[in-house]
Amino acid sequence: MIAPRVVLTRPHARRAMMSPSEKARELPSPEQAPDVPAAEKTREGMIRDAAYLLAERRGFCPGKELDDWLEAEQQIDRWLAAHASPRR
């Protein structure tokens, strides 16, 4: 009997299983990469993790991915506003 292939849900876990040539095709060239501030990259990563946790709580049922992302975005923005240090 052949074991079924396991499908990984988290993007970084799926990426770890890719061959180097698949990874190279997935990444934009430096000229194509958007110039995003480091703080925005951090915010996006936080939103991604929060959206994953929301999806996990509802059992990864399909069709609610956008709702998870938008809810996570609101949660992270509220958290960042509450924990923002005053600028000097």
C-alpha atoms as a PDB file:
ATOM      1  CA  MET A   1       0.000   0.000   0.000  1.00  0.00           C
ATOM      2  CA  ILE A   2       1.263   3.468  -0.870  1.00  0.00           C
ATOM      3  CA  ALA A   3       0.920   6.117   1.811  1.00  0.00           C
ATOM      4  CA  PRO A   4      -1.022   9.241   0.777  1.00  0.00           C
ATOM      5  CA  ARG A   5       0.973  12.401   0.266  1.00  0.00           C
ATOM      6  CA  VAL A   6       0.646  14.793   3.167  1.00  0.00           C
ATOM      7  CA  VAL A   7      -0.386  18.304   2.180  1.00  0.00           C
ATOM      8  CA  LEU A   8       1.187  20.942   4.383  1.00  0.00           C
ATOM      9  CA  THR A   9      -0.939  23.965   5.132  1.00  0.00           C
ATOM     10  CA  ARG A  10       1.582  26.542   6.290  1.00  0.00           C
ATOM     11  CA  PRO A  11       3.381  28.222   3.381  1.00  0.00           C
ATOM     12  CA  HIS A  12       6.837  28.107   4.965  1.00  0.00           C
ATOM     13  CA  ALA A  13       6.460  24.384   5.720  1.00  0.00           C
ATOM     14  CA  ARG A  14       5.421  23.699   2.130  1.00  0.00           C
ATOM     15  CA  ARG A  15       8.351  25.792   0.920  1.00  0.00           C
ATOM     16  CA  ALA A  16      10.765  23.676   2.976  1.00  0.00           C
ATOM     17  CA  MET A  17       9.742  20.632   0.934  1.00  0.00           C
ATOM     18  CA  MET A  18      10.354  22.350  -2.430  1.00  0.00           C
ATOM     19  CA  SER A  19      13.379  21.686  -4.566  1.00  0.00           C
ATOM     20  CA  PRO A  20      15.823  24.590  -5.062  1.00  0.00           C
ATOM     21  CA  SER A  21      14.607  25.107  -8.628  1.00  0.00           C
ATOM     22  CA  GLU A  22      10.979  25.360  -7.431  1.00  0.00           C
ATOM     23  CA  LYS A  23      12.010  27.908  -4.783  1.00  0.00           C
ATOM     24  CA  ALA A  24      13.859  29.990  -7.371  1.00  0.00           C
ATOM     25  CA  ARG A  25      10.792  30.104  -9.639  1.00  0.00           C
ATOM     26  CA  GLU A  26       8.611  31.195  -6.725  1.00  0.00           C
ATOM     27  CA  LEU A  27      10.705  34.214  -5.683  1.00  0.00           C
ATOM     28  CA  PRO A  28      10.614  37.507  -7.578  1.00  0.00           C
ATOM     29  CA  SER A  29      13.858  38.928  -8.860  1.00  0.00           C
ATOM     30  CA  PRO A  30      15.305  41.851  -6.875  1.00  0.00           C
ATOM     31  CA  GLU A  31      14.063  44.237  -9.585  1.00  0.00           C
ATOM     32  CA  GLN A  32      10.503  42.915  -9.224  1.00  0.00           C
ATOM     33  CA  ALA A  33      10.424  42.834  -5.415  1.00  0.00           C
ATOM     34  CA  PRO A  34       8.400  45.726  -4.018  1.00  0.00           C
ATOM     35  CA  ASP A  35      10.204  48.238  -1.845  1.00  0.00           C
ATOM     36  CA  VAL A  36       8.369  47.601   1.422  1.00  0.00           C
ATOM     37  CA  PRO A  37       9.564  49.109   4.705  1.00  0.00           C
ATOM     38  CA  ALA A  38      10.827  46.618   7.298  1.00  0.00           C
ATOM     39  CA  ALA A  39       8.026  47.582   9.707  1.00  0.00           C
ATOM     40  CA  GLU A  40       5.410  46.677   7.093  1.00  0.00           C
ATOM     41  CA  LYS A  41       7.087  43.313   6.477  1.00  0.00           C
ATOM     42  CA  THR A  42       6.922  42.638  10.210  1.00  0.00           C
ATOM     43  CA  ARG A  43       3.249  43.673  10.317  1.00  0.00           C
ATOM     44  CA  GLU A  44       2.436  41.421   7.388  1.00  0.00           C
ATOM     45  CA  GLY A  45       4.161  38.478   9.052  1.00  0.00           C
ATOM     46  CA  MET A  46       2.191  39.073  12.232  1.00  0.00           C
ATOM     47  CA  ILE A  47      -1.050  39.205  10.234  1.00  0.00           C
ATOM     48  CA  ARG A  48      -0.126  36.008   8.403  1.00  0.00           C
ATOM     49  CA  ASP A  49       0.498  34.169  11.685  1.00  0.00           C
ATOM     50  CA  ALA A  50      -2.712  35.491  13.250  1.00  0.00           C
ATOM     51  CA  ALA A  51      -4.747  34.513  10.169  1.00  0.00           C
ATOM     52  CA  TYR A  52      -3.276  31.022  10.328  1.00  0.00           C
ATOM     53  CA  LEU A  53      -4.292  30.700  13.982  1.00  0.00           C
ATOM     54  CA  LEU A  54      -7.823  31.871  13.179  1.00  0.00           C
ATOM     55  CA  ALA A  55      -8.068  29.296  10.383  1.00  0.00           C
ATOM     56  CA  GLU A  56      -6.719  26.620  12.698  1.00  0.00           C
ATOM     57  CA  ARG A  57      -9.379  27.432  15.324  1.00  0.00           C
ATOM     58  CA  ARG A  58     -12.145  26.877  12.777  1.00  0.00           C
ATOM     59  CA  GLY A  59     -10.635  23.625  11.526  1.00  0.00           C
ATOM     60  CA  PHE A  60      -9.230  24.981   8.238  1.00  0.00           C
ATOM     61  CA  CYS A  61     -12.657  24.804   6.586  1.00  0.00           C
ATOM     62  CA  PRO A  62     -12.301  26.383   3.127  1.00  0.00           C
ATOM     63  CA  GLY A  63     -14.050  29.547   2.028  1.00  0.00           C
ATOM     64  CA  LYS A  64     -13.233  31.837   4.952  1.00  0.00           C
ATOM     65  CA  GLU A  65      -9.610  32.697   4.162  1.00  0.00           C
ATOM     66  CA  LEU A  66     -10.324  36.345   3.384  1.00  0.00           C
ATOM     67  CA  ASP A  67     -12.378  36.705   6.566  1.00  0.00           C
ATOM     68  CA  ASP A  68      -9.479  35.227   8.565  1.00  0.00           C
ATOM     69  CA  TRP A  69      -7.034  37.648   6.953  1.00  0.00           C
ATOM     70  CA  LEU A  70      -9.223  40.708   7.521  1.00  0.00           C
ATOM     71  CA  GLU A  71      -9.916  39.758  11.146  1.00  0.00           C
ATOM     72  CA  ALA A  72      -6.208  39.153  11.738  1.00  0.00           C
ATOM     73  CA  GLU A  73      -5.402  42.514  10.156  1.00  0.00           C
ATOM     74  CA  GLN A  74      -7.793  44.266  12.550  1.00  0.00           C
ATOM     75  CA  GLN A  75      -6.392  42.391  15.555  1.00  0.00           C
ATOM     76  CA  ILE A  76      -2.781  43.198  14.684  1.00  0.00           C
ATOM     77  CA  ASP A  77      -3.515  46.849  13.887  1.00  0.00           C
ATOM     78  CA  ARG A  78      -5.301  47.229  17.248  1.00  0.00           C
ATOM     79  CA  TRP A  79      -2.387  45.563  19.019  1.00  0.00           C
ATOM     80  CA  LEU A  80       0.194  47.724  17.238  1.00  0.00           C
ATOM     81  CA  ALA A  81      -1.770  50.904  18.044  1.00  0.00           C
ATOM     82  CA  ALA A  82      -2.019  49.928  21.703  1.00  0.00           C
ATOM     83  CA  HIS A  83       1.690  49.068  21.953  1.00  0.00           C
ATOM     84  CA  ALA A  84       3.140  51.818  19.772  1.00  0.00           C
ATOM     85  CA  SER A  85       5.962  53.692  21.378  1.00  0.00           C
ATOM     86  CA  PRO A  86       5.742  57.477  21.183  1.00  0.00           C
ATOM     87  CA  ARG A  87       7.998  58.892  18.481  1.00  0.00           C
ATOM     88  CA  ARG A  88      10.603  61.399  19.509  1.00  0.00           C
END
